[in-house]
C-alpha atoms as a PDB file:
ATOM      1  CA  MET A   1     158.548  59.618  53.583  1.00  0.00           C
ATOM      2  CA  SER A   2     157.902  57.696  56.860  1.00  0.00           C
ATOM      3  CA  VAL A   3     156.149  54.419  56.663  1.00  0.00           C
ATOM      4  CA  PRO A   4     153.012  54.282  58.842  1.00  0.00           C
ATOM      5  CA  VAL A   5     153.137  51.973  61.790  1.00  0.00           C
ATOM      6  CA  LEU A   6     150.483  49.046  61.276  1.00  0.00           C
ATOM      7  CA  PRO A   7     148.984  47.023  64.172  1.00  0.00           C
ATOM      8  CA  SER A   8     150.251  43.530  64.403  1.00  0.00           C
ATOM      9  CA  ARG A   9     146.655  42.037  65.136  1.00  0.00           C
ATOM     10  CA  MET A  10     143.466  42.538  63.432  1.00  0.00           C
ATOM     11  CA  ARG A  11     139.800  41.287  63.707  1.00  0.00           C
ATOM     12  CA  ALA A  12     138.207  38.967  61.062  1.00  0.00           C
ATOM     13  CA  ALA A  13     134.996  37.226  60.568  1.00  0.00           C
ATOM     14  CA  ARG A  14     135.515  33.342  60.451  1.00  0.00           C
ATOM     15  CA  LEU A  15     132.539  31.229  59.288  1.00  0.00           C
ATOM     16  CA  TYR A  16     132.303  27.794  60.702  1.00  0.00           C
ATOM     17  CA  ASP A  17     128.719  27.195  59.644  1.00  0.00           C
ATOM     18  CA  LEU A  18     126.014  29.471  58.270  1.00  0.00           C
ATOM     19  CA  TYR A  19     124.812  30.500  61.654  1.00  0.00           C
ATOM     20  CA  ASP A  20     128.050  30.028  63.411  1.00  0.00           C
ATOM     21  CA  ILE A  21     130.274  33.211  62.581  1.00  0.00           C
ATOM     22  CA  ARG A  22     132.866  34.305  64.998  1.00  0.00           C
ATOM     23  CA  VAL A  23     134.846  37.549  65.049  1.00  0.00           C
ATOM     24  CA  GLU A  24     138.322  36.432  65.881  1.00  0.00           C
ATOM     25  CA  GLU A  25     141.754  38.016  66.250  1.00  0.00           C
ATOM     26  CA  LEU A  26     144.436  37.268  63.587  1.00  0.00           C
ATOM     27  CA  ASP A  27     147.913  38.290  62.838  1.00  0.00           C
ATOM     28  CA  VAL A  28     148.055  41.148  60.183  1.00  0.00           C
ATOM     29  CA  PRO A  29     149.609  39.423  57.056  1.00  0.00           C
ATOM     30  CA  PRO A  30     153.233  40.321  56.414  1.00  0.00           C
ATOM     31  CA  VAL A  31     153.868  41.948  52.851  1.00  0.00           C
ATOM     32  CA  GLY A  32     156.332  40.195  50.536  1.00  0.00           C
ATOM     33  CA  GLU A  33     158.146  42.041  47.705  1.00  0.00           C
ATOM     34  CA  ARG A  34     155.336  41.555  45.130  1.00  0.00           C
ATOM     35  CA  GLU A  35     152.345  41.831  47.457  1.00  0.00           C
ATOM     36  CA  VAL A  36     150.179  44.751  48.688  1.00  0.00           C
ATOM     37  CA  LEU A  37     148.409  45.147  51.993  1.00  0.00           C
ATOM     38  CA  VAL A  38     144.945  46.725  52.088  1.00  0.00           C
ATOM     39  CA  ARG A  39     143.039  48.216  54.999  1.00  0.00           C
ATOM     40  CA  THR A  40     139.392  47.105  54.324  1.00  0.00           C
ATOM     41  CA  VAL A  41     136.890  49.951  54.312  1.00  0.00           C
ATOM     42  CA  ALA A  42     133.701  47.803  53.409  1.00  0.00           C
ATOM     43  CA  CYS A  43     132.932  44.383  52.035  1.00  0.00           C
ATOM     44  CA  GLY A  44     129.593  42.904  50.766  1.00  0.00           C
ATOM     45  CA  ILE A  45     128.058  39.628  51.869  1.00  0.00           C
ATOM     46  CA  CYS A  46     127.471  37.679  48.667  1.00  0.00           C
ATOM     47  CA  SER A  47     124.304  35.602  47.977  1.00  0.00           C
ATOM     48  CA  GLY A  48     126.577  32.656  47.743  1.00  0.00           C
ATOM     49  CA  ASP A  49     127.791  33.447  51.269  1.00  0.00           C
ATOM     50  CA  VAL A  50     124.145  32.527  52.503  1.00  0.00           C
ATOM     51  CA  LEU A  51     123.774  29.348  50.379  1.00  0.00           C
ATOM     52  CA  PRO A  52     123.991  26.765  52.991  1.00  0.00           C
ATOM     53  CA  TRP A  53     125.399  23.809  51.116  1.00  0.00           C
ATOM     54  CA  TYR A  54     127.884  26.064  49.033  1.00  0.00           C
ATOM     55  CA  ILE A  55     129.361  27.844  52.081  1.00  0.00           C
ATOM     56  CA  ARG A  56     129.558  24.779  54.233  1.00  0.00           C
ATOM     57  CA  ARG A  57     131.834  23.134  51.684  1.00  0.00           C
ATOM     58  CA  LYS A  58     134.322  25.895  52.226  1.00  0.00           C
ATOM     59  CA  ALA A  59     134.138  26.348  55.910  1.00  0.00           C
ATOM     60  CA  PRO A  60     135.934  27.171  58.131  1.00  0.00           C
ATOM     61  CA  LEU A  61     137.123  30.250  56.452  1.00  0.00           C
ATOM     62  CA  VAL A  62     137.469  33.964  56.663  1.00  0.00           C
ATOM     63  CA  PHE A  63     134.798  34.833  54.146  1.00  0.00           C
ATOM     64  CA  GLY A  64     133.966  37.806  52.199  1.00  0.00           C
ATOM     65  CA  HIS A  65     134.833  38.477  48.547  1.00  0.00           C
ATOM     66  CA  GLU A  66     133.588  41.848  47.686  1.00  0.00           C
ATOM     67  CA  PRO A  67     136.033  44.076  49.420  1.00  0.00           C
ATOM     68  CA  VAL A  68     137.236  47.726  48.882  1.00  0.00           C
ATOM     69  CA  GLY A  69     139.816  49.420  50.903  1.00  0.00           C
ATOM     70  CA  VAL A  70     142.880  51.791  50.980  1.00  0.00           C
ATOM     71  CA  VAL A  71     146.393  50.480  50.196  1.00  0.00           C
ATOM     72  CA  VAL A  72     148.587  50.764  53.311  1.00  0.00           C
ATOM     73  CA  ARG A  73     151.783  48.793  52.452  1.00  0.00           C
ATOM     74  CA  VAL A  74     153.380  48.019  49.160  1.00  0.00           C
ATOM     75  CA  GLY A  75     156.087  45.454  48.395  1.00  0.00           C
ATOM     76  CA  ALA A  76     159.337  46.749  46.761  1.00  0.00           C
ATOM     77  CA  ASP A  77     158.740  45.099  43.525  1.00  0.00           C
ATOM     78  CA  VAL A  78     155.191  46.457  43.046  1.00  0.00           C
ATOM     79  CA  HIS A  79     155.410  49.759  41.019  1.00  0.00           C
ATOM     80  CA  ASP A  80     151.797  50.363  39.726  1.00  0.00           C
ATOM     81  CA  VAL A  81     150.017  50.589  42.967  1.00  0.00           C
ATOM     82  CA  ARG A  82     150.910  53.177  45.859  1.00  0.00           C
ATOM     83  CA  ALA A  83     150.078  53.610  49.391  1.00  0.00           C
ATOM     84  CA  GLY A  84     146.864  55.662  49.674  1.00  0.00           C
ATOM     85  CA  ASP A  85     145.265  54.217  46.627  1.00  0.00           C
ATOM     86  CA  ARG A  86     141.522  53.389  46.851  1.00  0.00           C
ATOM     87  CA  VAL A  87     140.969  49.900  45.449  1.00  0.00           C
ATOM     88  CA  PHE A  88     138.763  47.008  44.703  1.00  0.00           C
ATOM     89  CA  VAL A  89     140.365  43.643  44.527  1.00  0.00           C
ATOM     90  CA  HIS A  90     138.845  40.395  43.190  1.00  0.00           C
ATOM     91  CA  HIS A  91     139.335  37.316  45.269  1.00  0.00           C
ATOM     92  CA  HIS A  92     140.564  35.408  42.198  1.00  0.00           C
ATOM     93  CA  ALA A  93     142.780  36.266  39.222  1.00  0.00           C
ATOM     94  CA  PRO A  94     143.822  34.417  36.142  1.00  0.00           C
ATOM     95  CA  CYS A  95     147.199  33.773  34.672  1.00  0.00           C
ATOM     96  CA  PHE A  96     146.158  35.177  31.266  1.00  0.00           C
ATOM     97  CA  ARG A  97     148.463  32.634  29.516  1.00  0.00           C
ATOM     98  CA  CYS A  98     146.910  29.267  29.560  1.00  0.00           C
ATOM     99  CA  ARG A  99     144.514  27.878  26.904  1.00  0.00           C
ATOM    100  CA  LEU A 100     141.447  28.631  29.087  1.00  0.00           C
ATOM    101  CA  CYS A 101     142.437  32.246  29.510  1.00  0.00           C
ATOM    102  CA  ARG A 102     143.160  32.594  25.882  1.00  0.00           C
ATOM    103  CA  ARG A 103     139.729  31.505  25.237  1.00  0.00           C
ATOM    104  CA  GLY A 104     138.226  33.851  27.722  1.00  0.00           C
ATOM    105  CA  HIS A 105     137.402  31.039  30.208  1.00  0.00           C
ATOM    106  CA  TYR A 106     139.100  33.024  33.064  1.00  0.00           C
ATOM    107  CA  SER A 107     137.059  31.282  35.987  1.00  0.00           C
ATOM    108  CA  HIS A 108     138.363  27.904  34.903  1.00  0.00           C
ATOM    109  CA  CYS A 109     142.036  28.886  34.912  1.00  0.00           C
ATOM    110  CA  ALA A 110     143.964  26.766  37.491  1.00  0.00           C
ATOM    111  CA  THR A 111     145.579  30.101  38.801  1.00  0.00           C
ATOM    112  CA  TRP A 112     142.211  31.690  39.023  1.00  0.00           C
ATOM    113  CA  ARG A 113     140.789  28.755  41.106  1.00  0.00           C
ATOM    114  CA  ARG A 114     143.902  28.638  43.417  1.00  0.00           C
ATOM    115  CA  SER A 115     144.353  32.400  43.963  1.00  0.00           C
ATOM    116  CA  ARG A 116     142.855  34.171  46.857  1.00  0.00           C
ATOM    117  CA  ILE A 117     143.161  37.268  49.039  1.00  0.00           C
ATOM    118  CA  VAL A 118     144.484  36.649  52.519  1.00  0.00           C
ATOM    119  CA  PRO A 119     142.714  35.920  54.776  1.00  0.00           C
ATOM    120  CA  GLY A 120     139.478  37.142  53.174  1.00  0.00           C
ATOM    121  CA  GLY A 121     137.555  40.204  52.568  1.00  0.00           C
ATOM    122  CA  LEU A 122     135.897  40.357  55.976  1.00  0.00           C
ATOM    123  CA  ALA A 123     139.090  41.167  57.885  1.00  0.00           C
ATOM    124  CA  GLU A 124     140.312  44.654  58.890  1.00  0.00           C
ATOM    125  CA  TYR A 125     143.313  44.109  56.663  1.00  0.00           C
ATOM    126  CA  PHE A 126     143.802  41.760  53.674  1.00  0.00           C
ATOM    127  CA  LEU A 127     146.849  40.769  51.611  1.00  0.00           C
ATOM    128  CA  VAL A 128     146.951  40.909  47.858  1.00  0.00           C
ATOM    129  CA  PRO A 129     149.257  38.262  46.638  1.00  0.00           C
ATOM    130  CA  GLU A 130     151.096  38.828  43.269  1.00  0.00           C
ATOM    131  CA  GLU A 131     148.626  36.747  41.338  1.00  0.00           C
ATOM    132  CA  ASN A 132     145.607  38.846  42.523  1.00  0.00           C
ATOM    133  CA  LEU A 133     147.189  42.078  41.530  1.00  0.00           C
ATOM    134  CA  ALA A 134     145.955  41.216  38.011  1.00  0.00           C
ATOM    135  CA  ASP A 135     142.510  41.960  39.069  1.00  0.00           C
ATOM    136  CA  LEU A 136     143.021  45.073  41.381  1.00  0.00           C
ATOM    137  CA  LEU A 137     141.174  48.165  40.268  1.00  0.00           C
ATOM    138  CA  LYS A 138     141.860  51.584  41.535  1.00  0.00           C
ATOM    139  CA  LEU A 139     138.616  53.527  42.394  1.00  0.00           C
ATOM    140  CA  PRO A 140     138.098  56.905  40.999  1.00  0.00           C
ATOM    141  CA  ASP A 141     137.622  59.585  43.543  1.00  0.00           C
ATOM    142  CA  HIS A 142     134.011  60.076  42.510  1.00  0.00           C
ATOM    143  CA  VAL A 143     133.074  56.428  43.125  1.00  0.00           C
ATOM    144  CA  ALA A 144     131.711  55.834  46.486  1.00  0.00           C
ATOM    145  CA  TRP A 145     132.891  53.012  48.682  1.00  0.00           C
ATOM    146  CA  GLU A 146     129.497  51.281  48.413  1.00  0.00           C
ATOM    147  CA  ASP A 147     129.518  51.522  44.647  1.00  0.00           C
ATOM    148  CA  GLY A 148     132.931  49.782  44.794  1.00  0.00           C
ATOM    149  CA  VAL A 149     131.518  46.923  46.732  1.00  0.00           C
ATOM    150  CA  LEU A 150     129.144  46.475  43.855  1.00  0.00           C
ATOM    151  CA  ILE A 151     131.952  45.719  41.292  1.00  0.00           C
ATOM    152  CA  GLU A 152     132.180  42.000  41.871  1.00  0.00           C
ATOM    153  CA  PRO A 153     128.519  41.318  41.822  1.00  0.00           C
ATOM    154  CA  THR A 154     127.941  43.653  38.794  1.00  0.00           C
ATOM    155  CA  ALA A 155     130.822  41.911  37.051  1.00  0.00           C
ATOM    156  CA  CYS A 156     129.063  38.557  37.586  1.00  0.00           C
ATOM    157  CA  VAL A 157     125.962  40.102  35.928  1.00  0.00           C
ATOM    158  CA  VAL A 158     128.110  41.488  33.030  1.00  0.00           C
ATOM    159  CA  LYS A 159     129.354  37.966  32.253  1.00  0.00           C
ATOM    160  CA  SER A 160     125.932  36.463  32.636  1.00  0.00           C
ATOM    161  CA  LEU A 161     124.271  38.925  30.239  1.00  0.00           C
ATOM    162  CA  ARG A 162     127.260  38.489  27.926  1.00  0.00           C
ATOM    163  CA  ARG A 163     126.802  34.760  27.916  1.00  0.00           C
ATOM    164  CA  ALA A 164     123.112  35.366  27.155  1.00  0.00           C
ATOM    165  CA  SER A 165     124.011  37.435  24.135  1.00  0.00           C
ATOM    166  CA  VAL A 166     121.452  39.985  25.267  1.00  0.00           C
ATOM    167  CA  ARG A 167     120.487  42.524  22.521  1.00  0.00           C
ATOM    168  CA  GLU A 168     118.528  45.712  22.242  1.00  0.00           C
ATOM    169  CA  GLY A 169     114.785  44.737  22.217  1.00  0.00           C
ATOM    170  CA  ASP A 170     115.320  41.322  23.834  1.00  0.00           C
ATOM    171  CA  ALA A 171     112.443  40.264  26.139  1.00  0.00           C
ATOM    172  CA  VAL A 172     114.282  39.435  29.499  1.00  0.00           C
ATOM    173  CA  VAL A 173     112.969  37.468  32.321  1.00  0.00           C
ATOM    174  CA  VAL A 174     114.679  37.484  35.637  1.00  0.00           C
ATOM    175  CA  ILE A 175     113.659  34.786  38.130  1.00  0.00           C
ATOM    176  CA  GLY A 176     114.619  35.777  41.641  1.00  0.00           C
ATOM    177  CA  LEU A 177     114.661  39.410  42.811  1.00  0.00           C
ATOM    178  CA  GLY A 178     117.511  39.449  45.237  1.00  0.00           C
ATOM    179  CA  ILE A 179     120.406  41.750  44.727  1.00  0.00           C
ATOM    180  CA  MET A 180     121.706  39.799  41.710  1.00  0.00           C
ATOM    181  CA  GLY A 181     118.183  39.766  40.186  1.00  0.00           C
ATOM    182  CA  LEU A 182     117.834  43.471  40.566  1.00  0.00           C
ATOM    183  CA  LEU A 183     121.325  44.010  39.039  1.00  0.00           C
ATOM    184  CA  HIS A 184     120.451  41.794  36.082  1.00  0.00           C
ATOM    185  CA  LEU A 185     117.305  43.930  35.455  1.00  0.00           C
ATOM    186  CA  TRP A 186     119.199  47.238  35.795  1.00  0.00           C
ATOM    187  CA  LEU A 187     121.978  46.220  33.471  1.00  0.00           C
ATOM    188  CA  ALA A 188     119.664  44.544  31.029  1.00  0.00           C
ATOM    189  CA  ARG A 189     117.618  47.847  30.904  1.00  0.00           C
ATOM    190  CA  ALA A 190     120.904  49.760  30.190  1.00  0.00           C
ATOM    191  CA  TRP A 191     121.740  47.371  27.406  1.00  0.00           C
ATOM    192  CA  GLY A 192     118.374  48.145  25.805  1.00  0.00           C
ATOM    193  CA  ALA A 193     116.500  45.037  26.609  1.00  0.00           C
ATOM    194  CA  ARG A 194     112.602  45.357  26.631  1.00  0.00           C
ATOM    195  CA  PRO A 195     110.350  44.288  28.127  1.00  0.00           C
ATOM    196  CA  LEU A 196     111.817  43.536  31.472  1.00  0.00           C
ATOM    197  CA  ILE A 197     110.030  40.932  33.620  1.00  0.00           C
ATOM    198  CA  GLY A 198     110.907  40.104  37.169  1.00  0.00           C
ATOM    199  CA  VAL A 199     109.702  36.969  39.138  1.00  0.00           C
ATOM    200  CA  ASP A 200     109.745  36.351  42.739  1.00  0.00           C
ATOM    201  CA  ARG A 201     107.616  34.559  45.241  1.00  0.00           C
ATOM    202  CA  LEU A 202     107.939  37.605  47.841  1.00  0.00           C
ATOM    203  CA  ASP A 203     105.614  40.578  47.113  1.00  0.00           C
ATOM    204  CA  ALA A 204     108.108  42.913  48.800  1.00  0.00           C
ATOM    205  CA  ARG A 205     110.922  42.007  46.242  1.00  0.00           C
ATOM    206  CA  CYS A 206     108.452  42.215  43.398  1.00  0.00           C
ATOM    207  CA  ARG A 207     107.595  45.747  44.563  1.00  0.00           C
ATOM    208  CA  THR A 208     111.276  46.719  44.877  1.00  0.00           C
ATOM    209  CA  ALA A 209     112.010  45.416  41.227  1.00  0.00           C
ATOM    210  CA  GLU A 210     109.042  47.598  39.840  1.00  0.00           C
ATOM    211  CA  GLN A 211     110.529  50.716  41.510  1.00  0.00           C
ATOM    212  CA  LEU A 212     113.624  50.368  39.435  1.00  0.00           C
ATOM    213  CA  GLY A 213     111.360  51.405  36.542  1.00  0.00           C
ATOM    214  CA  ASP A 214     110.330  49.678  33.357  1.00  0.00           C
ATOM    215  CA  VAL A 215     109.826  46.265  35.125  1.00  0.00           C
ATOM    216  CA  GLN A 216     106.742  44.233  35.405  1.00  0.00           C
ATOM    217  CA  ALA A 217     107.093  41.859  38.408  1.00  0.00           C
ATOM    218  CA  LEU A 218     105.142  38.448  38.668  1.00  0.00           C
ATOM    219  CA  ASN A 219     104.654  36.275  41.725  1.00  0.00           C
ATOM    220  CA  PRO A 220     104.213  32.594  40.767  1.00  0.00           C
ATOM    221  CA  GLU A 221     102.276  32.178  43.927  1.00  0.00           C
ATOM    222  CA  ARG A 222      99.512  34.384  42.539  1.00  0.00           C
ATOM    223  CA  GLU A 223      99.629  33.914  38.686  1.00  0.00           C
ATOM    224  CA  ASP A 224     100.661  31.604  35.830  1.00  0.00           C
ATOM    225  CA  VAL A 225     104.004  33.082  35.134  1.00  0.00           C
ATOM    226  CA  PRO A 226     104.718  31.411  31.775  1.00  0.00           C
ATOM    227  CA  LYS A 227     101.230  32.408  30.448  1.00  0.00           C
ATOM    228  CA  ARG A 228     101.789  36.051  31.696  1.00  0.00           C
ATOM    229  CA  VAL A 229     105.284  36.064  30.127  1.00  0.00           C
ATOM    230  CA  ARG A 230     103.682  35.260  26.739  1.00  0.00           C
ATOM    231  CA  GLU A 231     100.980  37.813  27.091  1.00  0.00           C
ATOM    232  CA  LEU A 232     103.654  40.350  27.706  1.00  0.00           C
ATOM    233  CA  THR A 233     105.838  39.381  24.723  1.00  0.00           C
ATOM    234  CA  GLU A 234     103.198  39.072  22.170  1.00  0.00           C
ATOM    235  CA  GLY A 235     102.863  35.354  22.377  1.00  0.00           C
ATOM    236  CA  TYR A 236     106.589  34.595  21.847  1.00  0.00           C
ATOM    237  CA  GLY A 237     107.904  34.123  25.248  1.00  0.00           C
ATOM    238  CA  ALA A 238     111.249  35.570  26.628  1.00  0.00           C
ATOM    239  CA  ASP A 239     114.386  35.755  24.488  1.00  0.00           C
ATOM    240  CA  VAL A 240     116.486  35.452  27.486  1.00  0.00           C
ATOM    241  CA  VAL A 241     115.683  34.056  30.994  1.00  0.00           C
ATOM    242  CA  ILE A 242     118.010  34.525  33.958  1.00  0.00           C
ATOM    243  CA  VAL A 243     117.480  31.781  36.532  1.00  0.00           C
ATOM    244  CA  GLY A 244     118.736  32.994  39.811  1.00  0.00           C
ATOM    245  CA  PRO A 245     117.809  30.462  42.366  1.00  0.00           C
ATOM    246  CA  GLY A 246     119.811  27.273  42.231  1.00  0.00           C
ATOM    247  CA  SER A 247     116.647  24.881  42.191  1.00  0.00           C
ATOM    248  CA  ARG A 248     115.035  22.574  39.860  1.00  0.00           C
ATOM    249  CA  GLU A 249     111.784  24.321  40.236  1.00  0.00           C
ATOM    250  CA  ALA A 250     113.363  27.726  39.169  1.00  0.00           C
ATOM    251  CA  VAL A 251     114.990  25.990  36.192  1.00  0.00           C
ATOM    252  CA  ALA A 252     111.853  24.379  35.129  1.00  0.00           C
ATOM    253  CA  LEU A 253     110.022  27.649  35.425  1.00  0.00           C
ATOM    254  CA  GLY A 254     112.814  29.344  33.367  1.00  0.00           C
ATOM    255  CA  ILE A 255     112.558  26.897  30.487  1.00  0.00           C
ATOM    256  CA  ALA A 256     108.840  27.182  30.577  1.00  0.00           C
ATOM    257  CA  CYS A 257     109.058  31.026  30.062  1.00  0.00           C
ATOM    258  CA  ALA A 258     111.468  30.670  27.256  1.00  0.00           C
ATOM    259  CA  GLY A 259     110.529  31.235  23.695  1.00  0.00           C
ATOM    260  CA  PRO A 260     111.903  29.909  20.415  1.00  0.00           C
ATOM    261  CA  GLY A 261     115.659  30.684  20.250  1.00  0.00           C
ATOM    262  CA  ALA A 262     115.976  31.771  23.704  1.00  0.00           C
ATOM    263  CA  ARG A 263     118.889  31.576  26.015  1.00  0.00           C
ATOM    264  CA  VAL A 264     118.319  30.337  29.576  1.00  0.00           C
ATOM    265  CA  ILE A 265     121.130  31.386  31.979  1.00  0.00           C
ATOM    266  CA  LEU A 266     121.793  29.032  35.050  1.00  0.00           C
ATOM    267  CA  PHE A 267     123.189  31.786  37.417  1.00  0.00           C
ATOM    268  CA  THR A 268     123.365  29.687  40.525  1.00  0.00           C
ATOM    269  CA  PRO A 269     124.535  25.975  40.786  1.00  0.00           C
ATOM    270  CA  LEU A 270     122.229  23.367  42.095  1.00  0.00           C
ATOM    271  CA  PRO A 271     123.832  21.224  44.940  1.00  0.00           C
ATOM    272  CA  PRO A 272     126.279  18.516  43.778  1.00  0.00           C
ATOM    273  CA  GLY A 273     124.582  15.298  42.831  1.00  0.00           C
ATOM    274  CA  GLU A 274     121.173  16.812  42.277  1.00  0.00           C
ATOM    275  CA  GLU A 275     119.911  16.006  38.836  1.00  0.00           C
ATOM    276  CA  LEU A 276     117.615  17.953  36.417  1.00  0.00           C
ATOM    277  CA  THR A 277     114.879  16.529  34.462  1.00  0.00           C
ATOM    278  CA  ILE A 278     114.357  18.143  31.044  1.00  0.00           C
ATOM    279  CA  GLU A 279     112.723  17.318  27.787  1.00  0.00           C
ATOM    280  CA  PRO A 280     115.514  17.532  25.118  1.00  0.00           C
ATOM    281  CA  HIS A 281     112.656  17.310  22.477  1.00  0.00           C
ATOM    282  CA  HIS A 282     111.381  20.719  23.700  1.00  0.00           C
ATOM    283  CA  LEU A 283     114.813  22.389  23.839  1.00  0.00           C
ATOM    284  CA  TYR A 284     115.609  21.039  20.243  1.00  0.00           C
ATOM    285  CA  MET A 285     112.442  21.958  18.589  1.00  0.00           C
ATOM    286  CA  ASN A 286     112.567  25.494  19.995  1.00  0.00           C
ATOM    287  CA  GLU A 287     116.316  25.835  19.885  1.00  0.00           C
ATOM    288  CA  ILE A 288     116.563  26.864  23.425  1.00  0.00           C
ATOM    289  CA  SER A 289     119.947  27.002  25.020  1.00  0.00           C
ATOM    290  CA  LEU A 290     120.869  26.237  28.644  1.00  0.00           C
ATOM    291  CA  ILE A 291     123.922  28.154  29.461  1.00  0.00           C
ATOM    292  CA  PRO A 292     125.769  28.227  32.950  1.00  0.00           C
ATOM    293  CA  SER A 293     127.374  31.489  34.063  1.00  0.00           C
ATOM    294  CA  TYR A 294     129.825  31.096  36.746  1.00  0.00           C
ATOM    295  CA  SER A 295     131.697  34.039  38.601  1.00  0.00           C
ATOM    296  CA  CYS A 296     133.545  36.582  36.415  1.00  0.00           C
ATOM    297  CA  GLY A 297     136.983  37.579  35.184  1.00  0.00           C
ATOM    298  CA  PRO A 298     139.071  40.677  34.663  1.00  0.00           C
ATOM    299  CA  PRO A 299     137.248  41.985  31.556  1.00  0.00           C
ATOM    300  CA  ASP A 300     133.894  41.741  33.409  1.00  0.00           C
ATOM    301  CA  THR A 301     135.148  43.716  36.621  1.00  0.00           C
ATOM    302  CA  ARG A 302     136.586  46.372  34.370  1.00  0.00           C
ATOM    303  CA  GLU A 303     133.232  46.758  32.460  1.00  0.00           C
ATOM    304  CA  ALA A 304     131.352  46.619  35.758  1.00  0.00           C
ATOM    305  CA  LEU A 305     133.497  49.531  37.085  1.00  0.00           C
ATOM    306  CA  ARG A 306     132.702  51.436  33.872  1.00  0.00           C
ATOM    307  CA  TRP A 307     128.927  51.143  34.402  1.00  0.00           C
ATOM    308  CA  ILE A 308     129.359  52.226  38.009  1.00  0.00           C
ATOM    309  CA  GLU A 309     131.383  55.088  37.032  1.00  0.00           C
ATOM    310  CA  ARG A 310     128.949  56.300  34.715  1.00  0.00           C
ATOM    311  CA  GLY A 311     126.221  56.061  37.427  1.00  0.00           C
ATOM    312  CA  VAL A 312     124.201  53.368  35.793  1.00  0.00           C
ATOM    313  CA  ILE A 313     124.667  51.171  38.914  1.00  0.00           C
ATOM    314  CA  ARG A 314     124.448  53.022  42.144  1.00  0.00           C
ATOM    315  CA  ALA A 315     124.288  51.619  45.678  1.00  0.00           C
ATOM    316  CA  GLN A 316     122.041  54.518  46.916  1.00  0.00           C
ATOM    317  CA  HIS A 317     119.289  53.315  44.569  1.00  0.00           C
ATOM    318  CA  LEU A 318     119.365  49.719  45.925  1.00  0.00           C
ATOM    319  CA  PRO A 319     118.007  48.234  49.404  1.00  0.00           C
ATOM    320  CA  ILE A 320     121.494  47.964  51.070  1.00  0.00           C
ATOM    321  CA  HIS A 321     121.777  47.607  54.773  1.00  0.00           C
ATOM    322  CA  ARG A 322     124.988  48.368  56.497  1.00  0.00           C
ATOM    323  CA  PHE A 323     126.391  46.575  59.549  1.00  0.00           C
ATOM    324  CA  PRO A 324     129.605  46.771  61.700  1.00  0.00           C
ATOM    325  CA  LEU A 325     131.854  43.875  61.891  1.00  0.00           C
ATOM    326  CA  GLU A 326     130.594  42.762  65.314  1.00  0.00           C
ATOM    327  CA  ARG A 327     127.116  42.337  63.783  1.00  0.00           C
ATOM    328  CA  VAL A 328     128.277  40.211  60.842  1.00  0.00           C
ATOM    329  CA  SER A 329     126.367  37.147  61.994  1.00  0.00           C
ATOM    330  CA  GLU A 330     123.146  39.306  62.240  1.00  0.00           C
ATOM    331  CA  ALA A 331     123.834  40.407  58.719  1.00  0.00           C
ATOM    332  CA  VAL A 332     124.380  37.007  57.279  1.00  0.00           C
ATOM    333  CA  ALA A 333     121.224  35.654  59.072  1.00  0.00           C
ATOM    334  CA  ALA A 334     119.020  38.491  57.738  1.00  0.00           C
ATOM    335  CA  MET A 335     120.046  37.699  54.229  1.00  0.00           C
ATOM    336  CA  ALA A 336     119.759  33.974  54.524  1.00  0.00           C
ATOM    337  CA  ARG A 337     116.193  34.495  55.866  1.00  0.00           C
ATOM    338  CA  ALA A 338     115.293  36.792  52.985  1.00  0.00           C
ATOM    339  CA  GLU A 339     114.642  39.647  55.518  1.00  0.00           C
ATOM    340  CA  ILE A 340     117.031  42.001  53.619  1.00  0.00           C
ATOM    341  CA  ILE A 341     118.317  41.959  50.124  1.00  0.00           C
ATOM    342  CA  LYS A 342     121.950  42.967  50.538  1.00  0.00           C
ATOM    343  CA  ALA A 343     124.200  43.678  53.511  1.00  0.00           C
ATOM    344  CA  ILE A 344     127.499  45.476  53.507  1.00  0.00           C
ATOM    345  CA  VAL A 345     129.902  45.310  56.484  1.00  0.00           C
ATOM    346  CA  CYS A 346     131.492  48.545  57.120  1.00  0.00           C
ATOM    347  CA  PHE A 347     134.967  48.689  58.744  1.00  0.00           C
ATOM    348  CA  ASP A 348     135.006  52.612  58.580  1.00  0.00           C
ATOM    349  CA  PRO A 349     132.567  53.975  61.266  1.00  0.00           C
ATOM    350  CA  THR A 350     131.908  57.123  59.070  1.00  0.00           C
ATOM    351  CA  LEU A 351     130.089  54.885  56.635  1.00  0.00           C
ATOM    352  CA  LEU A 352     127.763  53.682  59.460  1.00  0.00           C
ATOM    353  CA  ALA A 353     127.287  57.267  60.625  1.00  0.00           C
ATOM    354  CA  GLU A 354     126.279  58.390  57.104  1.00  0.00           C
ATOM    355  CA  ALA A 355     123.610  55.563  56.982  1.00  0.00           C
ATOM    356  CA  SER A 356     122.096  56.538  60.282  1.00  0.00           C
END
């Protein structure tokens, strides 16, 4: 079999600042014996990519960590992946051997923190080093590319709900109705949680959440959210609160919505050095737990793919906007200004044609 000839150069989106993103030409990475090269078909823009303080700490970088694509070159010592495979690849992967991995804390593994795809997901080609092959998933033929892009964000939600110990019949409040908030509501519903309550300051996002079905959306600009939560939960308050925005105000609102024995998930970090004022007496007497949930690991990506395979999570049911690579700055700016909920950069022009 002849080996396809690959270009020596490719385009990639390098972020220097939130509103300074340049499409540059880079060398296509060479492939080592234990590595794989993927031609990118699509890559999502994450909510973290438009969080100013968070992304500026990493800049400059070729960003994007929700990629799907087609394997085009396989190293001689890689035997379970073949050219032509449709794949999702996580941008980090753990060693599975250290104490943290053995305890299931994959996102704290030193290998997980160090590993990365090269140069990033928003490039026409990306290299999958040996370490990252541990969290490469082959996409079934019936899973659309856009659904594959949702594997990583859905996996973060899987981990979040698992850390929240969501059970059937739990009253769940989700604060922040961007793409991650919508995915939390969708998956919590699939897990049997009821009632489902969404909270956002934008009426348009509240309407989008209610269109998912079985969701009561509240706008804190218009009503007393903790009071309404208690009215909707027979006076008890929420069993689980997902705090999406990384702000002290959002955390305080989440605690105010929590009922006795509740678990409050801190899904997004606050900026370094920013402190949170809480009343330990209130937490203690009500046995309310504050639980951070950071990123995801291989068990979460595999569970996310199972939900997507079953059709529980579908991109076509979400407000997703598609952009070509040359409009990546526009896509990021629109997400940062909350003009759109989710952007996907499409490298395959047929995906853009399908969207038009």
